[in-house]
PDB file of N, CA and C in Angstrom:
ATOM      1  N   MET A   1       6.965   4.881  35.449  1.00  0.00           N
ATOM      2  CA  MET A   1       5.726   5.618  35.566  1.00  0.00           C
ATOM      3  C   MET A   1       5.875   6.910  34.753  1.00  0.00           C
ATOM      4  N   TYR A   2       4.776   7.365  34.181  1.00  0.00           N
ATOM      5  CA  TYR A   2       4.775   8.557  33.339  1.00  0.00           C
ATOM      6  C   TYR A   2       3.850   9.613  33.919  1.00  0.00           C
ATOM      7  N   CYS A   3       4.205  10.874  33.683  1.00  0.00           N
ATOM      8  CA  CYS A   3       3.408  11.997  34.176  1.00  0.00           C
ATOM      9  C   CYS A   3       2.101  12.060  33.385  1.00  0.00           C
ATOM     10  N   GLU A   4       1.011  12.260  34.088  1.00  0.00           N
ATOM     11  CA  GLU A   4      -0.306  12.339  33.459  1.00  0.00           C
ATOM     12  C   GLU A   4      -0.459  13.619  32.645  1.00  0.00           C
ATOM     13  N   HIS A   5       0.226  14.656  32.996  1.00  0.00           N
ATOM     14  CA  HIS A   5       0.035  15.961  32.369  1.00  0.00           C
ATOM     15  C   HIS A   5       0.911  16.164  31.127  1.00  0.00           C
ATOM     16  N   CYS A   6       2.194  15.797  31.226  1.00  0.00           N
ATOM     17  CA  CYS A   6       3.090  16.072  30.098  1.00  0.00           C
ATOM     18  C   CYS A   6       3.612  14.805  29.428  1.00  0.00           C
ATOM     19  N   GLY A   7       3.463  13.640  30.053  1.00  0.00           N
ATOM     20  CA  GLY A   7       3.900  12.384  29.456  1.00  0.00           C
ATOM     21  C   GLY A   7       5.360  12.057  29.688  1.00  0.00           C
ATOM     22  N   ALA A   8       6.057  12.864  30.461  1.00  0.00           N
ATOM     23  CA  ALA A   8       7.470  12.609  30.729  1.00  0.00           C
ATOM     24  C   ALA A   8       7.607  11.450  31.717  1.00  0.00           C
ATOM     25  N   LYS A   9       8.737  10.766  31.644  1.00  0.00           N
ATOM     26  CA  LYS A   9       8.966   9.646  32.547  1.00  0.00           C
ATOM     27  C   LYS A   9       9.315  10.188  33.927  1.00  0.00           C
ATOM     28  N   VAL A  10       8.649   9.644  34.952  1.00  0.00           N
ATOM     29  CA  VAL A  10       8.841  10.079  36.333  1.00  0.00           C
ATOM     30  C   VAL A  10       9.433   8.921  37.113  1.00  0.00           C
ATOM     31  N   VAL A  11      10.404   9.217  37.953  1.00  0.00           N
ATOM     32  CA  VAL A  11      11.019   8.196  38.800  1.00  0.00           C
ATOM     33  C   VAL A  11       9.959   7.673  39.762  1.00  0.00           C
ATOM     34  N   ASP A  12       9.918   6.325  39.922  1.00  0.00           N
ATOM     35  CA  ASP A  12       8.926   5.746  40.829  1.00  0.00           C
ATOM     36  C   ASP A  12       9.109   6.308  42.228  1.00  0.00           C
ATOM     37  N   GLY A  13       8.021   6.742  42.800  1.00  0.00           N
ATOM     38  CA  GLY A  13       8.043   7.308  44.144  1.00  0.00           C
ATOM     39  C   GLY A  13       8.316   8.804  44.154  1.00  0.00           C
ATOM     40  N   GLY A  14       8.494   9.399  42.997  1.00  0.00           N
ATOM     41  CA  GLY A  14       8.763  10.837  42.932  1.00  0.00           C
ATOM     42  C   GLY A  14       7.509  11.632  43.253  1.00  0.00           C
ATOM     43  N   GLN A  15       7.691  12.779  43.923  1.00  0.00           N
ATOM     44  CA  GLN A  15       6.560  13.605  44.325  1.00  0.00           C
ATOM     45  C   GLN A  15       6.113  14.556  43.217  1.00  0.00           C
ATOM     46  N   LEU A  16       7.078  15.037  42.429  1.00  0.00           N
ATOM     47  CA  LEU A  16       6.767  15.994  41.374  1.00  0.00           C
ATOM     48  C   LEU A  16       7.416  15.543  40.067  1.00  0.00           C
ATOM     49  N   CYS A  17       6.814  15.953  38.965  1.00  0.00           N
ATOM     50  CA  CYS A  17       7.375  15.674  37.648  1.00  0.00           C
ATOM     51  C   CYS A  17       8.528  16.640  37.410  1.00  0.00           C
ATOM     52  N   THR A  18       9.632  16.148  36.895  1.00  0.00           N
ATOM     53  CA  THR A  18      10.785  17.011  36.665  1.00  0.00           C
ATOM     54  C   THR A  18      10.567  17.929  35.462  1.00  0.00           C
ATOM     55  N   GLU A  19       9.655  17.610  34.577  1.00  0.00           N
ATOM     56  CA  GLU A  19       9.411  18.424  33.386  1.00  0.00           C
ATOM     57  C   GLU A  19       8.393  19.535  33.631  1.00  0.00           C
ATOM     58  N   CYS A  20       7.217  19.170  34.168  1.00  0.00           N
ATOM     59  CA  CYS A  20       6.161  20.180  34.327  1.00  0.00           C
ATOM     60  C   CYS A  20       5.992  20.649  35.771  1.00  0.00           C
ATOM     61  N   GLY A  21       6.513  19.913  36.750  1.00  0.00           N
ATOM     62  CA  GLY A  21       6.439  20.333  38.141  1.00  0.00           C
ATOM     63  C   GLY A  21       5.147  19.980  38.843  1.00  0.00           C
ATOM     64  N   LEU A  22       4.253  19.265  38.191  1.00  0.00           N
ATOM     65  CA  LEU A  22       2.985  18.875  38.803  1.00  0.00           C
ATOM     66  C   LEU A  22       3.111  17.477  39.393  1.00  0.00           C
ATOM     67  N   PRO A  23       2.308  17.171  40.437  1.00  0.00           N
ATOM     68  CA  PRO A  23       2.373  15.830  41.024  1.00  0.00           C
ATOM     69  C   PRO A  23       1.752  14.802  40.078  1.00  0.00           C
ATOM     70  N   PRO A  24       2.429  13.705  39.812  1.00  0.00           N
ATOM     71  CA  PRO A  24       1.872  12.680  38.917  1.00  0.00           C
ATOM     72  C   PRO A  24       0.790  11.873  39.614  1.00  0.00           C
ATOM     73  N   SER A  25      -0.235  11.528  38.886  1.00  0.00           N
ATOM     74  CA  SER A  25      -1.301  10.700  39.421  1.00  0.00           C
ATOM     75  C   SER A  25      -0.930   9.256  39.103  1.00  0.00           C
ATOM     76  N   ALA A  26      -0.776   8.428  40.124  1.00  0.00           N
ATOM     77  CA  ALA A  26      -0.292   7.055  39.948  1.00  0.00           C
ATOM     78  C   ALA A  26      -1.284   6.182  39.198  1.00  0.00           C
ATOM     79  N   GLY A  27      -2.584   6.318  39.440  1.00  0.00           N
ATOM     80  CA  GLY A  27      -3.585   5.461  38.820  1.00  0.00           C
ATOM     81  C   GLY A  27      -3.683   5.657  37.320  1.00  0.00           C
ATOM     82  N   HIS A  28      -3.799   6.878  36.888  1.00  0.00           N
ATOM     83  CA  HIS A  28      -3.961   7.159  35.466  1.00  0.00           C
ATOM     84  C   HIS A  28      -2.673   6.906  34.684  1.00  0.00           C
ATOM     85  N   ALA A  29      -1.544   7.204  35.262  1.00  0.00           N
ATOM     86  CA  ALA A  29      -0.277   7.024  34.565  1.00  0.00           C
ATOM     87  C   ALA A  29       0.012   5.546  34.335  1.00  0.00           C
ATOM     88  N   ALA A  30      -0.334   4.707  35.308  1.00  0.00           N
ATOM     89  CA  ALA A  30      -0.103   3.268  35.147  1.00  0.00           C
ATOM     90  C   ALA A  30      -0.994   2.702  34.040  1.00  0.00           C
ATOM     91  N   GLU A  31      -2.248   3.173  33.987  1.00  0.00           N
ATOM     92  CA  GLU A  31      -3.148   2.717  32.924  1.00  0.00           C
ATOM     93  C   GLU A  31      -2.646   3.179  31.556  1.00  0.00           C
ATOM     94  N   ARG A  32      -2.172   4.408  31.481  1.00  0.00           N
ATOM     95  CA  ARG A  32      -1.691   4.947  30.222  1.00  0.00           C
ATOM     96  C   ARG A  32      -0.429   4.211  29.758  1.00  0.00           C
ATOM     97  N   ALA A  33       0.451   3.837  30.687  1.00  0.00           N
ATOM     98  CA  ALA A  33       1.685   3.143  30.335  1.00  0.00           C
ATOM     99  C   ALA A  33       1.388   1.740  29.808  1.00  0.00           C
ATOM    100  N   MET A  34       0.336   1.091  30.323  1.00  0.00           N
ATOM    101  CA  MET A  34       0.047  -0.276  29.915  1.00  0.00           C
ATOM    102  C   MET A  34      -0.958  -0.343  28.760  1.00  0.00           C
ATOM    103  N   ALA A  35      -1.477   0.797  28.305  1.00  0.00           N
ATOM    104  CA  ALA A  35      -2.466   0.793  27.234  1.00  0.00           C
ATOM    105  C   ALA A  35      -1.811   0.370  25.925  1.00  0.00           C
ATOM    106  N   LYS A  36      -2.537  -0.387  25.151  1.00  0.00           N
ATOM    107  CA  LYS A  36      -2.053  -0.839  23.857  1.00  0.00           C
ATOM    108  C   LYS A  36      -2.549   0.120  22.786  1.00  0.00           C
ATOM    109  N   VAL A  37      -1.642   0.552  21.937  1.00  0.00           N
ATOM    110  CA  VAL A  37      -1.986   1.482  20.872  1.00  0.00           C
ATOM    111  C   VAL A  37      -2.228   0.694  19.597  1.00  0.00           C
ATOM    112  N   ILE A  38      -3.390   0.893  18.998  1.00  0.00           N
ATOM    113  CA  ILE A  38      -3.741   0.222  17.753  1.00  0.00           C
ATOM    114  C   ILE A  38      -3.753   1.280  16.653  1.00  0.00           C
ATOM    115  N   PRO A  39      -2.903   1.125  15.634  1.00  0.00           N
ATOM    116  CA  PRO A  39      -2.880   2.144  14.574  1.00  0.00           C
ATOM    117  C   PRO A  39      -4.157   2.125  13.750  1.00  0.00           C
ATOM    118  N   PHE A  40      -4.503   3.293  13.232  1.00  0.00           N
ATOM    119  CA  PHE A  40      -5.706   3.424  12.417  1.00  0.00           C
ATOM    120  C   PHE A  40      -5.398   2.989  10.998  1.00  0.00           C
ATOM    121  N   ARG A  41      -6.183   2.088  10.462  1.00  0.00           N
ATOM    122  CA  ARG A  41      -6.056   1.640   9.080  1.00  0.00           C
ATOM    123  C   ARG A  41      -7.436   1.767   8.431  1.00  0.00           C
ATOM    124  N   PRO A  42      -7.569   2.673   7.468  1.00  0.00           N
ATOM    125  CA  PRO A  42      -8.883   2.817   6.825  1.00  0.00           C
ATOM    126  C   PRO A  42      -9.228   1.574   6.016  1.00  0.00           C
ATOM    127  N   ARG A  43     -10.495   1.292   5.920  1.00  0.00           N
ATOM    128  CA  ARG A  43     -10.952   0.135   5.154  1.00  0.00           C
ATOM    129  C   ARG A  43     -10.832   0.410   3.666  1.00  0.00           C
ATOM    130  N   LYS A  44     -10.572  -0.631   2.937  1.00  0.00           N
ATOM    131  CA  LYS A  44     -10.496  -0.504   1.490  1.00  0.00           C
ATOM    132  C   LYS A  44     -11.914  -0.390   0.936  1.00  0.00           C
ATOM    133  N   LYS A  45     -12.057   0.469  -0.064  1.00  0.00           N
ATOM    134  CA  LYS A  45     -13.359   0.620  -0.698  1.00  0.00           C
ATOM    135  C   LYS A  45     -13.601  -0.576  -1.603  1.00  0.00           C
ATOM    136  N   THR A  46     -14.768  -1.125  -1.491  1.00  0.00           N
ATOM    137  CA  THR A  46     -15.116  -2.251  -2.339  1.00  0.00           C
ATOM    138  C   THR A  46     -15.922  -1.739  -3.517  1.00  0.00           C
ATOM    139  N   SER A  47     -15.560  -2.191  -4.693  1.00  0.00           N
ATOM    140  CA  SER A  47     -16.288  -1.771  -5.889  1.00  0.00           C
ATOM    141  C   SER A  47     -17.411  -2.765  -6.164  1.00  0.00           C
ATOM    142  N   PRO A  48     -18.461  -2.294  -6.803  1.00  0.00           N
ATOM    143  CA  PRO A  48     -19.558  -3.212  -7.118  1.00  0.00           C
ATOM    144  C   PRO A  48     -19.090  -4.279  -8.111  1.00  0.00           C
ATOM    145  N   ALA A  49     -19.680  -5.445  -8.022  1.00  0.00           N
ATOM    146  CA  ALA A  49     -19.282  -6.557  -8.879  1.00  0.00           C
ATOM    147  C   ALA A  49     -19.657  -6.258 -10.326  1.00  0.00           C
ATOM    148  N   ARG A  50     -18.701  -6.484 -11.231  1.00  0.00           N
ATOM    149  CA  ARG A  50     -18.941  -6.277 -12.652  1.00  0.00           C
ATOM    150  C   ARG A  50     -18.996  -7.621 -13.361  1.00  0.00           C
ATOM    151  N   PRO A  51     -19.756  -7.683 -14.412  1.00  0.00           N
ATOM    152  CA  PRO A  51     -19.765  -8.936 -15.169  1.00  0.00           C
ATOM    153  C   PRO A  51     -18.406  -9.131 -15.849  1.00  0.00           C
ATOM    154  N   PRO A  52     -17.979 -10.361 -16.031  1.00  0.00           N
ATOM    155  CA  PRO A  52     -16.672 -10.595 -16.655  1.00  0.00           C
ATOM    156  C   PRO A  52     -16.675 -10.116 -18.108  1.00  0.00           C
ATOM    157  N   LYS A  53     -15.495  -9.608 -18.530  1.00  0.00           N
ATOM    158  CA  LYS A  53     -15.380  -9.125 -19.899  1.00  0.00           C
ATOM    159  C   LYS A  53     -15.259 -10.296 -20.851  1.00  0.00           C
ATOM    160  N   ARG A  54     -15.917 -10.165 -22.004  1.00  0.00           N
ATOM    161  CA  ARG A  54     -15.812 -11.201 -23.023  1.00  0.00           C
ATOM    162  C   ARG A  54     -14.570 -10.952 -23.842  1.00  0.00           C
ATOM    163  N   LYS A  55     -13.867 -12.024 -24.170  1.00  0.00           N
ATOM    164  CA  LYS A  55     -12.678 -11.897 -24.994  1.00  0.00           C
ATOM    165  C   LYS A  55     -13.092 -11.725 -26.445  1.00  0.00           C
ATOM    166  N   ARG A  56     -12.484 -10.743 -27.091  1.00  0.00           N
ATOM    167  CA  ARG A  56     -12.782 -10.497 -28.494  1.00  0.00           C
ATOM    168  C   ARG A  56     -11.792 -11.263 -29.351  1.00  0.00           C
ATOM    169  N   ARG A  57     -12.294 -11.921 -30.358  1.00  0.00           N
ATOM    170  CA  ARG A  57     -11.443 -12.619 -31.310  1.00  0.00           C
ATOM    171  C   ARG A  57     -11.038 -11.643 -32.397  1.00  0.00           C
ATOM    172  N   PRO A  58      -9.780 -11.740 -32.867  1.00  0.00           N
ATOM    173  CA  PRO A  58      -9.376 -10.861 -33.963  1.00  0.00           C
ATOM    174  C   PRO A  58     -10.191 -11.156 -35.216  1.00  0.00           C
ATOM    175  N   SER A  59     -10.485 -10.125 -35.972  1.00  0.00           N
ATOM    176  CA  SER A  59     -11.273 -10.301 -37.187  1.00  0.00           C
ATOM    177  C   SER A  59     -10.401 -10.893 -38.287  1.00  0.00           C
ATOM    178  N   ALA A  60     -11.027 -11.321 -39.355  1.00  0.00           N
ATOM    179  CA  ALA A  60     -10.316 -11.919 -40.490  1.00  0.00           C
ATOM    180  C   ALA A  60      -9.399 -10.891 -41.144  1.00  0.00           C
ATOM    181  N   THR A  61      -9.786  -9.632 -41.138  1.00  0.00           N
ATOM    182  CA  THR A  61      -8.966  -8.579 -41.744  1.00  0.00           C
ATOM    183  C   THR A  61      -7.645  -8.424 -41.000  1.00  0.00           C
ATOM    184  N   SER A  62      -7.695  -8.486 -39.680  1.00  0.00           N
ATOM    185  CA  SER A  62      -6.456  -8.328 -38.918  1.00  0.00           C
ATOM    186  C   SER A  62      -5.515  -9.504 -39.151  1.00  0.00           C
ATOM    187  N   TRP A  63      -6.040 -10.713 -39.381  1.00  0.00           N
ATOM    188  CA  TRP A  63      -5.172 -11.851 -39.689  1.00  0.00           C
ATOM    189  C   TRP A  63      -4.470 -11.656 -41.026  1.00  0.00           C
ATOM    190  N   TRP A  64      -5.166 -11.080 -42.007  1.00  0.00           N
ATOM    191  CA  TRP A  64      -4.527 -10.813 -43.297  1.00  0.00           C
ATOM    192  C   TRP A  64      -3.422  -9.772 -43.156  1.00  0.00           C
ATOM    193  N   ILE A  65      -3.651  -8.761 -42.385  1.00  0.00           N
ATOM    194  CA  ILE A  65      -2.635  -7.728 -42.171  1.00  0.00           C
ATOM    195  C   ILE A  65      -1.403  -8.329 -41.498  1.00  0.00           C
ATOM    196  N   ILE A  66      -1.611  -9.174 -40.494  1.00  0.00           N
ATOM    197  CA  ILE A  66      -0.494  -9.823 -39.807  1.00  0.00           C
ATOM    198  C   ILE A  66       0.276 -10.716 -40.769  1.00  0.00           C
ATOM    199  N   ALA A  67      -0.424 -11.445 -41.621  1.00  0.00           N
ATOM    200  CA  ALA A  67       0.232 -12.339 -42.576  1.00  0.00           C
ATOM    201  C   ALA A  67       1.058 -11.553 -43.593  1.00  0.00           C
ATOM    202  N   ILE A  68       0.559 -10.423 -44.083  1.00  0.00           N
ATOM    203  CA  ILE A  68       1.282  -9.612 -45.060  1.00  0.00           C
ATOM    204  C   ILE A  68       2.537  -9.004 -44.437  1.00  0.00           C
ATOM    205  N   VAL A  69       2.425  -8.506 -43.221  1.00  0.00           N
ATOM    206  CA  VAL A  69       3.590  -7.925 -42.540  1.00  0.00           C
ATOM    207  C   VAL A  69       4.639  -8.995 -42.278  1.00  0.00           C
ATOM    208  N   ALA A  70       4.228 -10.164 -41.823  1.00  0.00           N
ATOM    209  CA  ALA A  70       5.168 -11.254 -41.566  1.00  0.00           C
ATOM    210  C   ALA A  70       5.856 -11.681 -42.858  1.00  0.00           C
ATOM    211  N   ALA A  71       5.110 -11.793 -43.946  1.00  0.00           N
ATOM    212  CA  ALA A  71       5.693 -12.195 -45.226  1.00  0.00           C
ATOM    213  C   ALA A  71       6.679 -11.143 -45.715  1.00  0.00           C
ATOM    214  N   SER A  72       6.357  -9.863 -45.554  1.00  0.00           N
ATOM    215  CA  SER A  72       7.265  -8.812 -46.004  1.00  0.00           C
ATOM    216  C   SER A  72       8.551  -8.777 -45.191  1.00  0.00           C
ATOM    217  N   LEU A  73       8.537  -9.289 -43.994  1.00  0.00           N
ATOM    218  CA  LEU A  73       9.748  -9.354 -43.185  1.00  0.00           C
ATOM    219  C   LEU A  73      10.554 -10.620 -43.452  1.00  0.00           C
ATOM    220  N   ILE A  74       9.906 -11.700 -43.831  1.00  0.00           N
ATOM    221  CA  ILE A  74      10.590 -12.988 -44.017  1.00  0.00           C
ATOM    222  C   ILE A  74      11.097 -13.172 -45.444  1.00  0.00           C
ATOM    223  N   ILE A  75      10.363 -12.755 -46.459  1.00  0.00           N
ATOM    224  CA  ILE A  75      10.721 -13.001 -47.864  1.00  0.00           C
ATOM    225  C   ILE A  75      12.099 -12.432 -48.236  1.00  0.00           C
ATOM    226  N   PRO A  76      12.488 -11.235 -47.832  1.00  0.00           N
ATOM    227  CA  PRO A  76      13.821 -10.743 -48.212  1.00  0.00           C
ATOM    228  C   PRO A  76      14.967 -11.631 -47.704  1.00  0.00           C
ATOM    229  N   TYR A  77      14.786 -12.330 -46.616  1.00  0.00           N
ATOM    230  CA  TYR A  77      15.833 -13.210 -46.110  1.00  0.00           C
ATOM    231  C   TYR A  77      15.868 -14.533 -46.897  1.00  0.00           C
ATOM    232  N   LEU A  78      14.728 -14.961 -47.380  1.00  0.00           N
ATOM    233  CA  LEU A  78      14.677 -16.225 -48.117  1.00  0.00           C
ATOM    234  C   LEU A  78      15.044 -16.042 -49.593  1.00  0.00           C
ATOM    235  N   TRP A  79      14.737 -14.894 -50.185  1.00  0.00           N
ATOM    236  CA  TRP A  79      14.963 -14.650 -51.605  1.00  0.00           C
ATOM    237  C   TRP A  79      15.689 -13.324 -51.762  1.00  0.00           C
ATOM    238  N   PRO A  80      17.011 -13.340 -51.678  1.00  0.00           N
ATOM    239  CA  PRO A  80      17.781 -12.090 -51.786  1.00  0.00           C
ATOM    240  C   PRO A  80      17.589 -11.435 -53.148  1.00  0.00           C
ATOM    241  N   LEU A  81      17.397 -10.145 -53.154  1.00  0.00           N
ATOM    242  CA  LEU A  81      17.133  -9.420 -54.403  1.00  0.00           C
ATOM    243  C   LEU A  81      18.457  -8.991 -55.045  1.00  0.00           C
ATOM    244  N   GLY A  82      18.662  -9.364 -56.323  1.00  0.00           N
ATOM    245  CA  GLY A  82      19.791  -8.919 -57.077  1.00  0.00           C
ATOM    246  C   GLY A  82      21.107  -9.584 -56.756  1.00  0.00           C
ATOM    247  N   HIS A  83      21.181 -10.555 -55.964  1.00  0.00           N
ATOM    248  CA  HIS A  83      22.463 -11.215 -55.672  1.00  0.00           C
ATOM    249  C   HIS A  83      22.472 -12.600 -56.189  1.00  0.00           C
TER     250      HIS A  83
END
């Protein structure tokens, strides 16, 4: 059993609380001891629905740039200069 005033544990049948010195109320303390505590969890904010994003295809210019960079990295290994 727990004291209604300070929450300290009281020996069953005790007349006074050893912590605060007040008489414990049996009815309220029993309810408080058996109460279930539910933690507070805030709800997640929901965002409004957005239309799906369209995938962009690379332009023809970017493919040429990629091809030139790849060729400049591969050609020196295939055709050694000056050896």
